[in-house]
């Protein structure tokens, strides 16, 4: 019985020692093995690993790409001495665990503060060399590439790699934004006034040209009408003359009837003539000459 108890105790002690000697490294992590506070080795490969129980300890570090967002937009000056609010984010990754631990104690918050300061310093320097147009659209990618390279060179001193730096938003402060909007409105109004003036001048030009063409067309039409009228009068006179030459008596009679017809058209017409006037000769005698 004592032997059985002893065997069980030995087995349990063995399992306890084995459990204290084994640790697992996830594929998303790196591990550092410490012995009496000193770094013994760094484990980067995932799997089951061994350590000396009670003497050695293990600490894990995230090896994934991490994202660091700015808590609030930073204010930078451009080469034009204009303030802009810049909202950015940084992608970073631990590549040297031992250096990372020695530099910032393996503390992610401390590392983020260090990286944020580095990135802001580089952004401030680069923005000071560019115009607002450059940092908004013109040279934005080029500026970000330079910032990433310079910041990464400093980040490697603490065992970290800057994967990417990007701007989420570049905007003016409220006071400057209002001034910019007012200037834009003023410029648009100036352009609108200029366009209206040019449109009015063009409209006047078109109206003047239309009036001139109308006068020309009316004058041409009047001349043509007068010409046609003259030709018609001449042709009518010729016809009248020919008719008169063929039968002067009938022509005189016909013209007198036309005169009577027009004269006595209305009952209210009043004429004061002598009865012996030639106007009534055909009324007295249809055969009169």
C-alpha atoms as a PDB file:
ATOM      1  CA  UNK A   1       0.000   0.000   0.000  1.00  0.00           C
ATOM      2  CA  UNK A   2       2.826   2.386   0.873  1.00  0.00           C
ATOM      3  CA  UNK A   3       4.523   1.559  -2.410  1.00  0.00           C
ATOM      4  CA  UNK A   4       1.324   2.411  -4.322  1.00  0.00           C
ATOM      5  CA  UNK A   5       0.964   5.747  -2.550  1.00  0.00           C
ATOM      6  CA  UNK A   6       4.631   6.527  -3.195  1.00  0.00           C
ATOM      7  CA  UNK A   7       4.224   5.680  -6.889  1.00  0.00           C
ATOM      8  CA  UNK A   8       1.173   7.909  -7.202  1.00  0.00           C
ATOM      9  CA  UNK A   9       2.993  10.771  -5.489  1.00  0.00           C
ATOM     10  CA  UNK A  10       5.990  10.350  -7.738  1.00  0.00           C
ATOM     11  CA  UNK A  11       3.772  10.307 -10.823  1.00  0.00           C
ATOM     12  CA  UNK A  12       1.940  13.441  -9.690  1.00  0.00           C
ATOM     13  CA  UNK A  13       5.201  15.212  -8.946  1.00  0.00           C
ATOM     14  CA  UNK A  14       6.455  14.188 -12.344  1.00  0.00           C
ATOM     15  CA  UNK A  15       3.358  15.533 -14.057  1.00  0.00           C
ATOM     16  CA  UNK A  16       3.628  18.759 -12.068  1.00  0.00           C
ATOM     17  CA  UNK A  17       7.263  19.205 -13.017  1.00  0.00           C
ATOM     18  CA  UNK A  18       6.449  18.381 -16.649  1.00  0.00           C
ATOM     19  CA  UNK A  19       3.610  20.929 -16.727  1.00  0.00           C
ATOM     20  CA  UNK A  20       5.918  23.551 -15.274  1.00  0.00           C
ATOM     21  CA  UNK A  21       8.544  22.691 -17.891  1.00  0.00           C
ATOM     22  CA  UNK A  22       6.271  22.981 -20.946  1.00  0.00           C
ATOM     23  CA  UNK A  23       4.843  26.099 -22.545  1.00  0.00           C
ATOM     24  CA  UNK A  24       3.046  26.721 -25.838  1.00  0.00           C
ATOM     25  CA  UNK A  25       3.785  29.479 -28.324  1.00  0.00           C
ATOM     26  CA  UNK A  26       0.884  30.584 -30.520  1.00  0.00           C
ATOM     27  CA  UNK A  27       1.561  31.402 -34.180  1.00  0.00           C
ATOM     28  CA  UNK A  28       0.455  34.979 -33.512  1.00  0.00           C
ATOM     29  CA  UNK A  29       2.988  35.420 -30.715  1.00  0.00           C
ATOM     30  CA  UNK A  30       6.663  35.449 -29.876  1.00  0.00           C
ATOM     31  CA  UNK A  31       7.973  34.367 -26.469  1.00  0.00           C
ATOM     32  CA  UNK A  32      10.928  35.341 -24.304  1.00  0.00           C
ATOM     33  CA  UNK A  33      12.360  32.965 -21.710  1.00  0.00           C
ATOM     34  CA  UNK A  34      13.776  34.646 -18.588  1.00  0.00           C
ATOM     35  CA  UNK A  35      16.055  33.185 -15.999  1.00  0.00           C
ATOM     36  CA  UNK A  36      16.554  35.177 -12.840  1.00  0.00           C
ATOM     37  CA  UNK A  37      15.358  38.310 -14.659  1.00  0.00           C
ATOM     38  CA  UNK A  38      17.764  37.870 -17.593  1.00  0.00           C
ATOM     39  CA  UNK A  39      16.719  37.012 -21.127  1.00  0.00           C
ATOM     40  CA  UNK A  40      17.809  33.477 -21.944  1.00  0.00           C
ATOM     41  CA  UNK A  41      16.303  33.028 -25.388  1.00  0.00           C
ATOM     42  CA  UNK A  42      13.624  34.291 -27.771  1.00  0.00           C
ATOM     43  CA  UNK A  43      11.152  31.835 -29.278  1.00  0.00           C
ATOM     44  CA  UNK A  44       9.562  32.853 -32.584  1.00  0.00           C
ATOM     45  CA  UNK A  45       8.459  29.479 -33.921  1.00  0.00           C
ATOM     46  CA  UNK A  46       5.004  28.299 -32.784  1.00  0.00           C
ATOM     47  CA  UNK A  47       4.579  24.981 -31.004  1.00  0.00           C
ATOM     48  CA  UNK A  48       5.312  23.261 -27.694  1.00  0.00           C
ATOM     49  CA  UNK A  49       8.528  24.421 -26.014  1.00  0.00           C
ATOM     50  CA  UNK A  50      10.397  23.534 -22.825  1.00  0.00           C
ATOM     51  CA  UNK A  51      11.934  25.516 -19.987  1.00  0.00           C
ATOM     52  CA  UNK A  52      13.543  24.866 -16.648  1.00  0.00           C
ATOM     53  CA  UNK A  53      10.761  24.729 -14.025  1.00  0.00           C
ATOM     54  CA  UNK A  54      10.835  27.158 -11.110  1.00  0.00           C
ATOM     55  CA  UNK A  55      13.976  28.733 -12.496  1.00  0.00           C
ATOM     56  CA  UNK A  56      12.754  30.082 -15.830  1.00  0.00           C
ATOM     57  CA  UNK A  57       9.655  32.117 -16.767  1.00  0.00           C
ATOM     58  CA  UNK A  58       8.036  32.992 -20.085  1.00  0.00           C
ATOM     59  CA  UNK A  59       6.557  36.243 -21.382  1.00  0.00           C
ATOM     60  CA  UNK A  60       4.542  36.512 -24.609  1.00  0.00           C
ATOM     61  CA  UNK A  61       4.483  39.352 -27.165  1.00  0.00           C
ATOM     62  CA  UNK A  62       1.971  39.951 -29.953  1.00  0.00           C
ATOM     63  CA  UNK A  63       3.636  39.680 -33.367  1.00  0.00           C
ATOM     64  CA  UNK A  64       0.584  40.732 -35.420  1.00  0.00           C
ATOM     65  CA  UNK A  65       0.314  44.068 -37.263  1.00  0.00           C
ATOM     66  CA  UNK A  66      -1.212  46.560 -34.846  1.00  0.00           C
ATOM     67  CA  UNK A  67      -3.083  49.776 -35.604  1.00  0.00           C
ATOM     68  CA  UNK A  68      -2.494  53.015 -33.753  1.00  0.00           C
ATOM     69  CA  UNK A  69      -5.142  55.716 -34.255  1.00  0.00           C
ATOM     70  CA  UNK A  70      -4.674  59.293 -33.176  1.00  0.00           C
ATOM     71  CA  UNK A  71      -6.898  60.224 -30.246  1.00  0.00           C
ATOM     72  CA  UNK A  72      -7.540  63.636 -31.783  1.00  0.00           C
ATOM     73  CA  UNK A  73      -6.367  65.500 -34.917  1.00  0.00           C
ATOM     74  CA  UNK A  74      -2.956  67.146 -34.650  1.00  0.00           C
ATOM     75  CA  UNK A  75      -2.367  70.749 -35.730  1.00  0.00           C
ATOM     76  CA  UNK A  76       0.461  71.316 -38.226  1.00  0.00           C
ATOM     77  CA  UNK A  77       1.690  74.312 -40.225  1.00  0.00           C
ATOM     78  CA  UNK A  78       2.219  74.218 -43.993  1.00  0.00           C
ATOM     79  CA  UNK A  79       4.864  76.168 -45.898  1.00  0.00           C
ATOM     80  CA  UNK A  80       2.229  78.906 -46.360  1.00  0.00           C
ATOM     81  CA  UNK A  81       2.005  79.242 -42.549  1.00  0.00           C
ATOM     82  CA  UNK A  82      -1.528  77.855 -42.584  1.00  0.00           C
ATOM     83  CA  UNK A  83      -2.752  75.625 -39.768  1.00  0.00           C
ATOM     84  CA  UNK A  84      -4.264  72.292 -40.748  1.00  0.00           C
ATOM     85  CA  UNK A  85      -5.789  69.555 -38.613  1.00  0.00           C
ATOM     86  CA  UNK A  86      -4.385  66.139 -39.500  1.00  0.00           C
ATOM     87  CA  UNK A  87      -6.002  62.854 -38.487  1.00  0.00           C
ATOM     88  CA  UNK A  88      -3.728  59.878 -39.178  1.00  0.00           C
ATOM     89  CA  UNK A  89      -3.184  56.228 -38.284  1.00  0.00           C
ATOM     90  CA  UNK A  90      -0.090  54.010 -38.124  1.00  0.00           C
ATOM     91  CA  UNK A  91       0.295  50.291 -38.810  1.00  0.00           C
ATOM     92  CA  UNK A  92       3.215  48.765 -36.861  1.00  0.00           C
ATOM     93  CA  UNK A  93       4.633  45.384 -35.912  1.00  0.00           C
ATOM     94  CA  UNK A  94       7.179  44.042 -33.428  1.00  0.00           C
ATOM     95  CA  UNK A  95      10.095  42.499 -35.361  1.00  0.00           C
ATOM     96  CA  UNK A  96      12.826  42.335 -32.698  1.00  0.00           C
ATOM     97  CA  UNK A  97      11.318  41.104 -29.447  1.00  0.00           C
ATOM     98  CA  UNK A  98      14.495  41.420 -27.400  1.00  0.00           C
ATOM     99  CA  UNK A  99      15.149  45.001 -28.526  1.00  0.00           C
ATOM    100  CA  UNK A 100      11.471  45.789 -28.018  1.00  0.00           C
ATOM    101  CA  UNK A 101      11.661  44.539 -24.457  1.00  0.00           C
ATOM    102  CA  UNK A 102      14.908  46.369 -23.674  1.00  0.00           C
ATOM    103  CA  UNK A 103      13.671  49.675 -25.153  1.00  0.00           C
ATOM    104  CA  UNK A 104      10.086  49.974 -23.907  1.00  0.00           C
ATOM    105  CA  UNK A 105       9.850  47.028 -21.501  1.00  0.00           C
ATOM    106  CA  UNK A 106       7.569  45.237 -23.929  1.00  0.00           C
ATOM    107  CA  UNK A 107       4.781  47.650 -23.055  1.00  0.00           C
ATOM    108  CA  UNK A 108       2.479  48.257 -26.022  1.00  0.00           C
ATOM    109  CA  UNK A 109       1.167  51.560 -24.674  1.00  0.00           C
ATOM    110  CA  UNK A 110       4.695  52.904 -24.161  1.00  0.00           C
ATOM    111  CA  UNK A 111       5.668  51.798 -27.666  1.00  0.00           C
ATOM    112  CA  UNK A 112       2.555  53.460 -29.151  1.00  0.00           C
ATOM    113  CA  UNK A 113       3.376  56.746 -27.401  1.00  0.00           C
ATOM    114  CA  UNK A 114       6.933  56.622 -28.729  1.00  0.00           C
ATOM    115  CA  UNK A 115       5.769  55.841 -32.273  1.00  0.00           C
ATOM    116  CA  UNK A 116       3.102  58.539 -32.197  1.00  0.00           C
ATOM    117  CA  UNK A 117       5.661  61.143 -31.163  1.00  0.00           C
ATOM    118  CA  UNK A 118       8.032  60.005 -33.911  1.00  0.00           C
ATOM    119  CA  UNK A 119       5.340  60.053 -36.603  1.00  0.00           C
ATOM    120  CA  UNK A 120       4.026  63.466 -35.502  1.00  0.00           C
ATOM    121  CA  UNK A 121       7.535  64.941 -35.559  1.00  0.00           C
ATOM    122  CA  UNK A 122       8.106  63.668 -39.104  1.00  0.00           C
ATOM    123  CA  UNK A 123       4.651  64.831 -40.237  1.00  0.00           C
ATOM    124  CA  UNK A 124       5.291  68.280 -38.781  1.00  0.00           C
ATOM    125  CA  UNK A 125       8.608  68.511 -40.622  1.00  0.00           C
ATOM    126  CA  UNK A 126       7.155  67.337 -43.937  1.00  0.00           C
ATOM    127  CA  UNK A 127       4.037  69.489 -43.740  1.00  0.00           C
ATOM    128  CA  UNK A 128       6.272  72.492 -43.154  1.00  0.00           C
ATOM    129  CA  UNK A 129       7.802  71.871 -46.599  1.00  0.00           C
ATOM    130  CA  UNK A 130       4.535  71.464 -48.517  1.00  0.00           C
ATOM    131  CA  UNK A 131       1.557  73.588 -49.506  1.00  0.00           C
ATOM    132  CA  UNK A 132      -2.022  72.819 -48.502  1.00  0.00           C
ATOM    133  CA  UNK A 133      -2.745  71.611 -52.040  1.00  0.00           C
ATOM    134  CA  UNK A 134       0.237  69.234 -51.892  1.00  0.00           C
ATOM    135  CA  UNK A 135      -0.769  67.566 -48.633  1.00  0.00           C
ATOM    136  CA  UNK A 136      -4.414  67.285 -49.635  1.00  0.00           C
ATOM    137  CA  UNK A 137      -4.014  65.812 -53.094  1.00  0.00           C
ATOM    138  CA  UNK A 138      -0.956  66.917 -55.053  1.00  0.00           C
ATOM    139  CA  UNK A 139       1.892  65.155 -53.238  1.00  0.00           C
ATOM    140  CA  UNK A 140       0.002  63.286 -50.542  1.00  0.00           C
ATOM    141  CA  UNK A 141       1.300  59.812 -51.442  1.00  0.00           C
ATOM    142  CA  UNK A 142       4.844  61.111 -51.781  1.00  0.00           C
ATOM    143  CA  UNK A 143       4.668  62.823 -48.387  1.00  0.00           C
ATOM    144  CA  UNK A 144       3.286  59.666 -46.754  1.00  0.00           C
ATOM    145  CA  UNK A 145       6.069  57.563 -48.256  1.00  0.00           C
ATOM    146  CA  UNK A 146       8.726  59.896 -46.848  1.00  0.00           C
ATOM    147  CA  UNK A 147       7.031  59.954 -43.441  1.00  0.00           C
ATOM    148  CA  UNK A 148       6.857  56.162 -43.395  1.00  0.00           C
ATOM    149  CA  UNK A 149      10.534  55.747 -44.269  1.00  0.00           C
ATOM    150  CA  UNK A 150      11.828  58.279 -41.739  1.00  0.00           C
ATOM    151  CA  UNK A 151       9.536  57.057 -38.958  1.00  0.00           C
ATOM    152  CA  UNK A 152      10.432  53.418 -39.646  1.00  0.00           C
ATOM    153  CA  UNK A 153      14.145  54.160 -39.373  1.00  0.00           C
ATOM    154  CA  UNK A 154      13.582  55.542 -35.870  1.00  0.00           C
ATOM    155  CA  UNK A 155      11.086  52.825 -34.890  1.00  0.00           C
ATOM    156  CA  UNK A 156      13.588  50.056 -35.591  1.00  0.00           C
ATOM    157  CA  UNK A 157      15.655  51.380 -32.694  1.00  0.00           C
ATOM    158  CA  UNK A 158      13.007  49.941 -30.360  1.00  0.00           C
ATOM    159  CA  UNK A 159      12.547  46.726 -32.366  1.00  0.00           C
ATOM    160  CA  UNK A 160       9.432  47.888 -34.234  1.00  0.00           C
ATOM    161  CA  UNK A 161       8.688  48.138 -37.973  1.00  0.00           C
ATOM    162  CA  UNK A 162       6.369  50.875 -39.308  1.00  0.00           C
ATOM    163  CA  UNK A 163       4.289  49.033 -41.890  1.00  0.00           C
ATOM    164  CA  UNK A 164       2.270  52.019 -43.101  1.00  0.00           C
ATOM    165  CA  UNK A 165       1.335  55.615 -42.264  1.00  0.00           C
ATOM    166  CA  UNK A 166      -1.843  57.091 -43.724  1.00  0.00           C
ATOM    167  CA  UNK A 167      -3.827  60.308 -43.417  1.00  0.00           C
ATOM    168  CA  UNK A 168      -7.518  59.851 -42.751  1.00  0.00           C
ATOM    169  CA  UNK A 169      -8.404  63.523 -42.962  1.00  0.00           C
ATOM    170  CA  UNK A 170      -6.737  66.880 -43.511  1.00  0.00           C
ATOM    171  CA  UNK A 171      -8.918  69.844 -42.639  1.00  0.00           C
ATOM    172  CA  UNK A 172      -8.705  73.486 -41.625  1.00  0.00           C
ATOM    173  CA  UNK A 173      -9.570  74.699 -38.128  1.00  0.00           C
ATOM    174  CA  UNK A 174     -13.028  76.237 -37.814  1.00  0.00           C
ATOM    175  CA  UNK A 175     -11.832  79.839 -37.916  1.00  0.00           C
ATOM    176  CA  UNK A 176      -9.686  79.241 -40.997  1.00  0.00           C
ATOM    177  CA  UNK A 177     -12.398  77.109 -42.628  1.00  0.00           C
ATOM    178  CA  UNK A 178     -14.882  79.960 -42.328  1.00  0.00           C
ATOM    179  CA  UNK A 179     -12.392  82.399 -43.849  1.00  0.00           C
ATOM    180  CA  UNK A 180     -11.657  79.965 -46.696  1.00  0.00           C
ATOM    181  CA  UNK A 181     -15.356  79.428 -47.365  1.00  0.00           C
ATOM    182  CA  UNK A 182     -15.972  83.168 -47.364  1.00  0.00           C
ATOM    183  CA  UNK A 183     -13.137  83.689 -49.824  1.00  0.00           C
ATOM    184  CA  UNK A 184     -14.455  80.900 -52.040  1.00  0.00           C
ATOM    185  CA  UNK A 185     -17.941  82.437 -51.964  1.00  0.00           C
ATOM    186  CA  UNK A 186     -16.502  85.857 -52.820  1.00  0.00           C
ATOM    187  CA  UNK A 187     -14.482  84.398 -55.697  1.00  0.00           C
ATOM    188  CA  UNK A 188     -17.527  82.552 -57.025  1.00  0.00           C
ATOM    189  CA  UNK A 189     -19.596  85.728 -56.809  1.00  0.00           C
ATOM    190  CA  UNK A 190     -16.901  87.640 -58.703  1.00  0.00           C
ATOM    191  CA  UNK A 191     -16.831  84.974 -61.399  1.00  0.00           C
ATOM    192  CA  UNK A 192     -20.636  84.954 -61.560  1.00  0.00           C
ATOM    193  CA  UNK A 193     -20.744  88.753 -61.923  1.00  0.00           C
ATOM    194  CA  UNK A 194     -18.141  88.617 -64.658  1.00  0.00           C
ATOM    195  CA  UNK A 195     -20.069  85.927 -66.493  1.00  0.00           C
ATOM    196  CA  UNK A 196     -23.300  87.901 -66.150  1.00  0.00           C
ATOM    197  CA  UNK A 197     -21.575  91.020 -67.507  1.00  0.00           C
ATOM    198  CA  UNK A 198     -20.143  89.085 -70.425  1.00  0.00           C
ATOM    199  CA  UNK A 199     -23.565  87.523 -71.030  1.00  0.00           C
ATOM    200  CA  UNK A 200     -25.272  90.920 -70.974  1.00  0.00           C
ATOM    201  CA  UNK A 201     -22.724  92.352 -73.396  1.00  0.00           C
ATOM    202  CA  UNK A 202     -23.154  89.388 -75.700  1.00  0.00           C
ATOM    203  CA  UNK A 203     -26.948  89.702 -75.463  1.00  0.00           C
ATOM    204  CA  UNK A 204     -26.763  93.398 -76.384  1.00  0.00           C
ATOM    205  CA  UNK A 205     -24.517  92.530 -79.297  1.00  0.00           C
ATOM    206  CA  UNK A 206     -26.951  89.874 -80.501  1.00  0.00           C
ATOM    207  CA  UNK A 207     -29.932  92.224 -80.101  1.00  0.00           C
ATOM    208  CA  UNK A 208     -28.137  95.009 -81.969  1.00  0.00           C
ATOM    209  CA  UNK A 209     -27.230  92.620 -84.776  1.00  0.00           C
ATOM    210  CA  UNK A 210     -30.816  91.331 -84.879  1.00  0.00           C
ATOM    211  CA  UNK A 211     -32.207  94.897 -85.020  1.00  0.00           C
ATOM    212  CA  UNK A 212     -29.774  95.764 -87.805  1.00  0.00           C
ATOM    213  CA  UNK A 213     -30.744  92.706 -89.781  1.00  0.00           C
ATOM    214  CA  UNK A 214     -34.429  93.469 -89.183  1.00  0.00           C
ATOM    215  CA  UNK A 215     -33.992  97.002 -90.523  1.00  0.00           C
ATOM    216  CA  UNK A 216     -32.149  95.645 -93.552  1.00  0.00           C
ATOM    217  CA  UNK A 217     -34.831  93.035 -94.171  1.00  0.00           C
ATOM    218  CA  UNK A 218     -37.650  95.616 -93.789  1.00  0.00           C
ATOM    219  CA  UNK A 219     -35.872  98.053 -96.081  1.00  0.00           C
ATOM    220  CA  UNK A 220     -35.270  95.352 -98.683  1.00  0.00           C
ATOM    221  CA  UNK A 221     -38.889  94.238 -98.404  1.00  0.00           C
ATOM    222  CA  UNK A 222     -40.149  97.835 -98.741  1.00  0.00           C
ATOM    223  CA  UNK A 223     -37.974  98.423-101.786  1.00  0.00           C
ATOM    224  CA  UNK A 224     -39.159  95.206-103.338  1.00  0.00           C
ATOM    225  CA  UNK A 225     -42.790  96.043-102.482  1.00  0.00           C
ATOM    226  CA  UNK A 226     -42.422  99.487-104.039  1.00  0.00           C
ATOM    227  CA  UNK A 227     -40.845  97.960-107.095  1.00  0.00           C
ATOM    228  CA  UNK A 228     -43.642  95.403-107.417  1.00  0.00           C
ATOM    229  CA  UNK A 229     -46.218  98.104-106.788  1.00  0.00           C
ATOM    230  CA  UNK A 230     -44.668 100.301-109.450  1.00  0.00           C
ATOM    231  CA  UNK A 231     -44.597  97.399-111.866  1.00  0.00           C
ATOM    232  CA  UNK A 232     -48.224  96.613-110.992  1.00  0.00           C
ATOM    233  CA  UNK A 233     -49.300 100.229-111.418  1.00  0.00           C
ATOM    234  CA  UNK A 234     -47.511 100.413-114.724  1.00  0.00           C
ATOM    235  CA  UNK A 235     -49.082  97.181-115.901  1.00  0.00           C
ATOM    236  CA  UNK A 236     -52.499  98.367-114.697  1.00  0.00           C
ATOM    237  CA  UNK A 237     -52.061 101.686-116.488  1.00  0.00           C
ATOM    238  CA  UNK A 238     -51.081  99.808-119.602  1.00  0.00           C
ATOM    239  CA  UNK A 239     -54.183  97.613-119.329  1.00  0.00           C
ATOM    240  CA  UNK A 240     -56.370 100.656-118.668  1.00  0.00           C
ATOM    241  CA  UNK A 241     -54.835 102.454-121.623  1.00  0.00           C
ATOM    242  CA  UNK A 242     -55.364  99.481-123.893  1.00  0.00           C
ATOM    243  CA  UNK A 243     -58.975  99.146-122.732  1.00  0.00           C
ATOM    244  CA  UNK A 244     -59.578 102.872-123.174  1.00  0.00           C
ATOM    245  CA  UNK A 245     -58.108 102.766-126.659  1.00  0.00           C
ATOM    246  CA  UNK A 246     -60.404  99.929-127.738  1.00  0.00           C
ATOM    247  CA  UNK A 247     -63.662 101.517-126.461  1.00  0.00           C
ATOM    248  CA  UNK A 248     -63.317 104.886-124.768  1.00  0.00           C
ATOM    249  CA  UNK A 249     -67.038 105.282-124.247  1.00  0.00           C
ATOM    250  CA  UNK A 250     -67.473 101.971-122.461  1.00  0.00           C
ATOM    251  CA  UNK A 251     -64.402 102.676-120.357  1.00  0.00           C
ATOM    252  CA  UNK A 252     -65.801 106.035-119.256  1.00  0.00           C
ATOM    253  CA  UNK A 253     -69.150 104.430-118.444  1.00  0.00           C
ATOM    254  CA  UNK A 254     -67.526 101.671-116.413  1.00  0.00           C
ATOM    255  CA  UNK A 255     -65.412 104.117-114.441  1.00  0.00           C
ATOM    256  CA  UNK A 256     -68.467 106.244-113.662  1.00  0.00           C
ATOM    257  CA  UNK A 257     -70.358 103.206-112.349  1.00  0.00           C
ATOM    258  CA  UNK A 258     -67.418 102.388-110.099  1.00  0.00           C
ATOM    259  CA  UNK A 259     -67.458 105.967-108.843  1.00  0.00           C
ATOM    260  CA  UNK A 260     -71.229 105.812-108.151  1.00  0.00           C
ATOM    261  CA  UNK A 261     -70.792 102.520-106.332  1.00  0.00           C
ATOM    262  CA  UNK A 262     -68.116 103.890-103.993  1.00  0.00           C
ATOM    263  CA  UNK A 263     -69.824 107.247-103.518  1.00  0.00           C
ATOM    264  CA  UNK A 264     -73.276 105.985-102.559  1.00  0.00           C
ATOM    265  CA  UNK A 265     -72.005 103.086-100.491  1.00  0.00           C
ATOM    266  CA  UNK A 266     -73.276 104.580 -97.209  1.00  0.00           C
ATOM    267  CA  UNK A 267     -76.627 106.307 -96.645  1.00  0.00           C
ATOM    268  CA  UNK A 268     -75.019 108.843 -94.356  1.00  0.00           C
ATOM    269  CA  UNK A 269     -72.767 110.230 -97.095  1.00  0.00           C
ATOM    270  CA  UNK A 270     -73.514 113.821 -98.144  1.00  0.00           C
ATOM    271  CA  UNK A 271     -72.356 115.404-101.421  1.00  0.00           C
ATOM    272  CA  UNK A 272     -72.794 119.026-102.464  1.00  0.00           C
ATOM    273  CA  UNK A 273     -72.650 119.204-106.266  1.00  0.00           C
ATOM    274  CA  UNK A 274     -74.389 121.146-108.983  1.00  0.00           C
ATOM    275  CA  UNK A 275     -77.039 119.091-110.785  1.00  0.00           C
ATOM    276  CA  UNK A 276     -75.468 119.992-114.081  1.00  0.00           C
ATOM    277  CA  UNK A 277     -72.128 118.515-112.971  1.00  0.00           C
ATOM    278  CA  UNK A 278     -70.517 115.984-115.308  1.00  0.00           C
ATOM    279  CA  UNK A 279     -70.523 113.524-112.420  1.00  0.00           C
ATOM    280  CA  UNK A 280     -74.268 112.837-113.014  1.00  0.00           C
ATOM    281  CA  UNK A 281     -74.205 112.655-116.790  1.00  0.00           C
ATOM    282  CA  UNK A 282     -74.673 108.865-116.921  1.00  0.00           C
ATOM    283  CA  UNK A 283     -77.421 109.032-114.344  1.00  0.00           C
ATOM    284  CA  UNK A 284     -79.307 111.496-116.555  1.00  0.00           C
ATOM    285  CA  UNK A 285     -78.647 109.698-119.791  1.00  0.00           C
ATOM    286  CA  UNK A 286     -76.870 106.284-119.949  1.00  0.00           C
ATOM    287  CA  UNK A 287     -76.063 107.009-123.569  1.00  0.00           C
ATOM    288  CA  UNK A 288     -74.428 110.324-122.817  1.00  0.00           C
ATOM    289  CA  UNK A 289     -71.023 110.929-124.269  1.00  0.00           C
END
